Amino acid sequence: MITIPLGKIAVATAGTIVQVTSAPTFCHAIIVSQIAASTGVAHFGTSTLVASTLVGVVKTFLKPSTTGLADVLVLKSPGGNLLNAADYWVDVAVNGEGLLVSLLQI
Protein backbone atom coordinates (compact mmCIF):
# COMPACT_ATOMS: atom_id res chain seq x y z
CA MET A 1 0.00 0.00 0.00
CA ILE A 2 1.22 3.48 -0.89
CA THR A 3 0.32 6.56 1.15
CA ILE A 4 0.07 9.90 -0.65
CA PRO A 5 -0.20 12.75 1.87
CA LEU A 6 -1.65 15.74 0.02
CA GLY A 7 -1.41 17.93 3.13
CA LYS A 8 -3.71 20.81 3.92
CA ILE A 9 -6.23 21.58 1.21
CA ALA A 10 -6.66 25.25 2.00
CA VAL A 11 -9.52 27.48 0.86
CA ALA A 12 -8.28 31.04 0.38
CA THR A 13 -11.78 32.55 0.29
CA ALA A 14 -14.52 30.95 2.36
CA GLY A 15 -17.47 29.90 0.22
CA THR A 16 -15.29 29.15 -2.81
CA ILE A 17 -14.84 25.40 -3.20
CA VAL A 18 -11.34 24.04 -3.82
CA GLN A 19 -10.62 20.77 -5.60
CA VAL A 20 -8.62 18.20 -3.60
CA THR A 21 -6.38 17.69 -6.64
CA SER A 22 -6.77 18.84 -10.24
CA ALA A 23 -5.06 15.77 -11.70
CA PRO A 24 -7.00 12.49 -11.86
CA THR A 25 -5.56 10.49 -8.94
CA PHE A 26 -7.10 7.08 -8.38
CA CYS A 27 -6.86 5.48 -4.98
CA HIS A 28 -8.33 2.80 -2.72
CA ALA A 29 -9.08 5.19 0.16
CA ILE A 30 -9.28 8.90 0.93
CA ILE A 31 -8.62 9.99 4.51
CA VAL A 32 -9.91 13.43 5.44
CA SER A 33 -9.24 15.04 8.81
CA GLN A 34 -10.05 18.35 10.37
CA ILE A 35 -7.11 20.44 11.49
CA ALA A 36 -6.97 20.99 15.25
CA ALA A 37 -6.18 24.70 14.97
CA SER A 38 -9.24 25.40 12.79
CA THR A 39 -11.73 27.92 14.10
CA GLY A 40 -14.70 27.20 11.84
CA VAL A 41 -16.73 24.59 10.03
CA ALA A 42 -15.33 22.76 6.98
CA HIS A 43 -17.13 20.72 4.33
CA PHE A 44 -15.91 17.85 2.16
CA GLY A 45 -17.95 16.86 -0.89
CA THR A 46 -18.42 16.71 -4.62
CA SER A 47 -18.13 19.43 -7.25
CA THR A 48 -21.75 20.42 -6.50
CA LEU A 49 -20.86 21.33 -2.88
CA VAL A 50 -22.86 24.27 -1.52
CA ALA A 51 -22.24 24.83 2.18
CA SER A 52 -25.39 26.89 2.79
CA THR A 53 -27.74 24.14 1.54
CA LEU A 54 -25.47 21.10 2.13
CA VAL A 55 -25.98 20.03 -1.48
CA GLY A 56 -23.04 17.86 -2.55
CA VAL A 57 -21.69 17.62 1.01
CA VAL A 58 -20.32 14.20 1.98
CA LYS A 59 -19.20 15.25 5.47
CA THR A 60 -19.34 18.40 7.56
CA PHE A 61 -16.52 18.90 10.05
CA LEU A 62 -17.63 21.06 12.97
CA LYS A 63 -15.25 23.43 14.73
CA PRO A 64 -12.76 21.19 16.58
CA SER A 65 -13.03 20.94 20.35
CA THR A 66 -10.15 22.21 22.44
CA THR A 67 -9.56 18.69 23.77
CA GLY A 68 -9.86 15.26 22.22
CA LEU A 69 -9.28 13.83 18.80
CA ALA A 70 -9.85 15.49 15.46
CA ASP A 71 -12.81 14.26 13.41
CA VAL A 72 -11.85 11.95 10.52
CA LEU A 73 -13.60 10.61 7.42
CA VAL A 74 -12.35 7.53 5.55
CA LEU A 75 -13.81 6.79 2.12
CA LYS A 76 -12.91 3.32 0.82
CA SER A 77 -13.57 1.71 -2.53
CA PRO A 78 -14.96 -1.83 -2.55
CA GLY A 79 -11.75 -3.00 -4.21
CA GLY A 80 -8.76 -1.63 -6.06
CA ASN A 81 -7.98 2.02 -6.78
CA LEU A 82 -11.50 3.05 -7.79
CA LEU A 83 -11.86 6.43 -6.06
CA ASN A 84 -10.69 9.52 -7.94
CA ALA A 85 -9.48 12.21 -5.54
CA ALA A 86 -10.14 14.83 -8.24
CA ASP A 87 -13.88 14.16 -7.76
CA TYR A 88 -13.81 15.73 -4.29
CA TRP A 89 -13.80 19.33 -3.08
CA VAL A 90 -13.40 21.34 0.14
CA ASP A 91 -15.08 24.47 1.47
CA VAL A 92 -14.65 26.28 4.79
CA ALA A 93 -16.33 29.01 6.81
CA VAL A 94 -13.09 30.87 7.63
CA ASN A 95 -10.67 32.21 4.99
CA GLY A 96 -7.41 30.24 4.76
CA GLU A 97 -8.60 27.18 6.66
CA GLY A 98 -8.94 23.73 5.16
CA LEU A 99 -8.81 19.98 5.67
CA LEU A 100 -5.95 17.50 5.82
CA VAL A 101 -6.20 14.89 3.02
CA SER A 102 -4.23 11.70 2.36
CA LEU A 103 -4.73 8.97 -0.23
CA LEU A 104 -4.02 5.24 -0.04
CA GLN A 105 -3.26 3.25 -3.17
CA ILE A 106 -2.99 -0.52 -3.44
C-alpha atoms as a PDB file:
ATOM      1  CA  MET A   1       0.000   0.000   0.000  1.00  0.00           C
ATOM      2  CA  ILE A   2       1.220   3.479  -0.894  1.00  0.00           C
ATOM      3  CA  THR A   3       0.318   6.562   1.154  1.00  0.00           C
ATOM      4  CA  ILE A   4       0.071   9.900  -0.652  1.00  0.00           C
ATOM      5  CA  PRO A   5      -0.203  12.748   1.873  1.00  0.00           C
ATOM      6  CA  LEU A   6      -1.652  15.741   0.020  1.00  0.00           C
ATOM      7  CA  GLY A   7      -1.411  17.932   3.125  1.00  0.00           C
ATOM      8  CA  LYS A   8      -3.712  20.808   3.924  1.00  0.00           C
ATOM      9  CA  ILE A   9      -6.230  21.578   1.207  1.00  0.00           C
ATOM     10  CA  ALA A  10      -6.660  25.255   1.997  1.00  0.00           C
ATOM     11  CA  VAL A  11      -9.520  27.475   0.864  1.00  0.00           C
ATOM     12  CA  ALA A  12      -8.282  31.038   0.377  1.00  0.00           C
ATOM     13  CA  THR A  13     -11.775  32.549   0.286  1.00  0.00           C
ATOM     14  CA  ALA A  14     -14.522  30.950   2.361  1.00  0.00           C
ATOM     15  CA  GLY A  15     -17.469  29.903   0.221  1.00  0.00           C
ATOM     16  CA  THR A  16     -15.289  29.149  -2.814  1.00  0.00           C
ATOM     17  CA  ILE A  17     -14.844  25.397  -3.202  1.00  0.00           C
ATOM     18  CA  VAL A  18     -11.336  24.040  -3.822  1.00  0.00           C
ATOM     19  CA  GLN A  19     -10.622  20.769  -5.604  1.00  0.00           C
ATOM     20  CA  VAL A  20      -8.624  18.203  -3.597  1.00  0.00           C
ATOM     21  CA  THR A  21      -6.379  17.686  -6.644  1.00  0.00           C
ATOM     22  CA  SER A  22      -6.775  18.845 -10.239  1.00  0.00           C
ATOM     23  CA  ALA A  23      -5.061  15.771 -11.695  1.00  0.00           C
ATOM     24  CA  PRO A  24      -6.998  12.495 -11.856  1.00  0.00           C
ATOM     25  CA  THR A  25      -5.558  10.492  -8.942  1.00  0.00           C
ATOM     26  CA  PHE A  26      -7.103   7.082  -8.383  1.00  0.00           C
ATOM     27  CA  CYS A  27      -6.863   5.475  -4.981  1.00  0.00           C
ATOM     28  CA  HIS A  28      -8.327   2.805  -2.719  1.00  0.00           C
ATOM     29  CA  ALA A  29      -9.082   5.193   0.161  1.00  0.00           C
ATOM     30  CA  ILE A  30      -9.282   8.899   0.925  1.00  0.00           C
ATOM     31  CA  ILE A  31      -8.619   9.987   4.508  1.00  0.00           C
ATOM     32  CA  VAL A  32      -9.910  13.434   5.445  1.00  0.00           C
ATOM     33  CA  SER A  33      -9.242  15.044   8.813  1.00  0.00           C
ATOM     34  CA  GLN A  34     -10.055  18.349  10.368  1.00  0.00           C
ATOM     35  CA  ILE A  35      -7.106  20.444  11.493  1.00  0.00           C
ATOM     36  CA  ALA A  36      -6.969  20.987  15.250  1.00  0.00           C
ATOM     37  CA  ALA A  37      -6.178  24.702  14.966  1.00  0.00           C
ATOM     38  CA  SER A  38      -9.243  25.396  12.789  1.00  0.00           C
ATOM     39  CA  THR A  39     -11.730  27.924  14.103  1.00  0.00           C
ATOM     40  CA  GLY A  40     -14.696  27.201  11.842  1.00  0.00           C
ATOM     41  CA  VAL A  41     -16.730  24.592  10.026  1.00  0.00           C
ATOM     42  CA  ALA A  42     -15.325  22.761   6.984  1.00  0.00           C
ATOM     43  CA  HIS A  43     -17.134  20.721   4.333  1.00  0.00           C
ATOM     44  CA  PHE A  44     -15.907  17.852   2.156  1.00  0.00           C
ATOM     45  CA  GLY A  45     -17.948  16.858  -0.886  1.00  0.00           C
ATOM     46  CA  THR A  46     -18.421  16.714  -4.620  1.00  0.00           C
ATOM     47  CA  SER A  47     -18.131  19.432  -7.254  1.00  0.00           C
ATOM     48  CA  THR A  48     -21.748  20.417  -6.504  1.00  0.00           C
ATOM     49  CA  LEU A  49     -20.860  21.330  -2.883  1.00  0.00           C
ATOM     50  CA  VAL A  50     -22.862  24.273  -1.519  1.00  0.00           C
ATOM     51  CA  ALA A  51     -22.239  24.832   2.185  1.00  0.00           C
ATOM     52  CA  SER A  52     -25.392  26.887   2.794  1.00  0.00           C
ATOM     53  CA  THR A  53     -27.742  24.143   1.535  1.00  0.00           C
ATOM     54  CA  LEU A  54     -25.471  21.105   2.130  1.00  0.00           C
ATOM     55  CA  VAL A  55     -25.983  20.030  -1.478  1.00  0.00           C
ATOM     56  CA  GLY A  56     -23.042  17.862  -2.551  1.00  0.00           C
ATOM     57  CA  VAL A  57     -21.692  17.619   1.009  1.00  0.00           C
ATOM     58  CA  VAL A  58     -20.323  14.199   1.975  1.00  0.00           C
ATOM     59  CA  LYS A  59     -19.201  15.253   5.465  1.00  0.00           C
ATOM     60  CA  THR A  60     -19.335  18.404   7.564  1.00  0.00           C
ATOM     61  CA  PHE A  61     -16.521  18.897  10.055  1.00  0.00           C
ATOM     62  CA  LEU A  62     -17.629  21.064  12.966  1.00  0.00           C
ATOM     63  CA  LYS A  63     -15.246  23.428  14.732  1.00  0.00           C
ATOM     64  CA  PRO A  64     -12.764  21.187  16.584  1.00  0.00           C
ATOM     65  CA  SER A  65     -13.033  20.943  20.347  1.00  0.00           C
ATOM     66  CA  THR A  66     -10.148  22.209  22.435  1.00  0.00           C
ATOM     67  CA  THR A  67      -9.561  18.691  23.766  1.00  0.00           C
ATOM     68  CA  GLY A  68      -9.857  15.258  22.225  1.00  0.00           C
ATOM     69  CA  LEU A  69      -9.283  13.825  18.800  1.00  0.00           C
ATOM     70  CA  ALA A  70      -9.851  15.493  15.460  1.00  0.00           C
ATOM     71  CA  ASP A  71     -12.811  14.261  13.411  1.00  0.00           C
ATOM     72  CA  VAL A  72     -11.845  11.948  10.520  1.00  0.00           C
ATOM     73  CA  LEU A  73     -13.602  10.605   7.419  1.00  0.00           C
ATOM     74  CA  VAL A  74     -12.345   7.533   5.549  1.00  0.00           C
ATOM     75  CA  LEU A  75     -13.814   6.787   2.116  1.00  0.00           C
ATOM     76  CA  LYS A  76     -12.906   3.323   0.821  1.00  0.00           C
ATOM     77  CA  SER A  77     -13.567   1.713  -2.535  1.00  0.00           C
ATOM     78  CA  PRO A  78     -14.961  -1.832  -2.548  1.00  0.00           C
ATOM     79  CA  GLY A  79     -11.749  -3.003  -4.207  1.00  0.00           C
ATOM     80  CA  GLY A  80      -8.762  -1.631  -6.059  1.00  0.00           C
ATOM     81  CA  ASN A  81      -7.977   2.018  -6.779  1.00  0.00           C
ATOM     82  CA  LEU A  82     -11.498   3.046  -7.788  1.00  0.00           C
ATOM     83  CA  LEU A  83     -11.859   6.429  -6.060  1.00  0.00           C
ATOM     84  CA  ASN A  84     -10.690   9.519  -7.938  1.00  0.00           C
ATOM     85  CA  ALA A  85      -9.478  12.213  -5.538  1.00  0.00           C
ATOM     86  CA  ALA A  86     -10.144  14.835  -8.236  1.00  0.00           C
ATOM     87  CA  ASP A  87     -13.882  14.165  -7.765  1.00  0.00           C
ATOM     88  CA  TYR A  88     -13.813  15.734  -4.287  1.00  0.00           C
ATOM     89  CA  TRP A  89     -13.801  19.327  -3.083  1.00  0.00           C
ATOM     90  CA  VAL A  90     -13.396  21.337   0.140  1.00  0.00           C
ATOM     91  CA  ASP A  91     -15.083  24.467   1.470  1.00  0.00           C
ATOM     92  CA  VAL A  92     -14.652  26.283   4.792  1.00  0.00           C
ATOM     93  CA  ALA A  93     -16.329  29.008   6.814  1.00  0.00           C
ATOM     94  CA  VAL A  94     -13.087  30.869   7.633  1.00  0.00           C
ATOM     95  CA  ASN A  95     -10.669  32.207   4.995  1.00  0.00           C
ATOM     96  CA  GLY A  96      -7.413  30.240   4.764  1.00  0.00           C
ATOM     97  CA  GLU A  97      -8.597  27.183   6.663  1.00  0.00           C
ATOM     98  CA  GLY A  98      -8.943  23.731   5.156  1.00  0.00           C
ATOM     99  CA  LEU A  99      -8.811  19.982   5.668  1.00  0.00           C
ATOM    100  CA  LEU A 100      -5.948  17.498   5.821  1.00  0.00           C
ATOM    101  CA  VAL A 101      -6.195  14.887   3.022  1.00  0.00           C
ATOM    102  CA  SER A 102      -4.227  11.697   2.364  1.00  0.00           C
ATOM    103  CA  LEU A 103      -4.731   8.973  -0.234  1.00  0.00           C
ATOM    104  CA  LEU A 104      -4.016   5.244  -0.038  1.00  0.00           C
ATOM    105  CA  GLN A 105      -3.264   3.247  -3.172  1.00  0.00           C
ATOM    106  CA  ILE A 106      -2.988  -0.522  -3.436  1.00  0.00           C
END
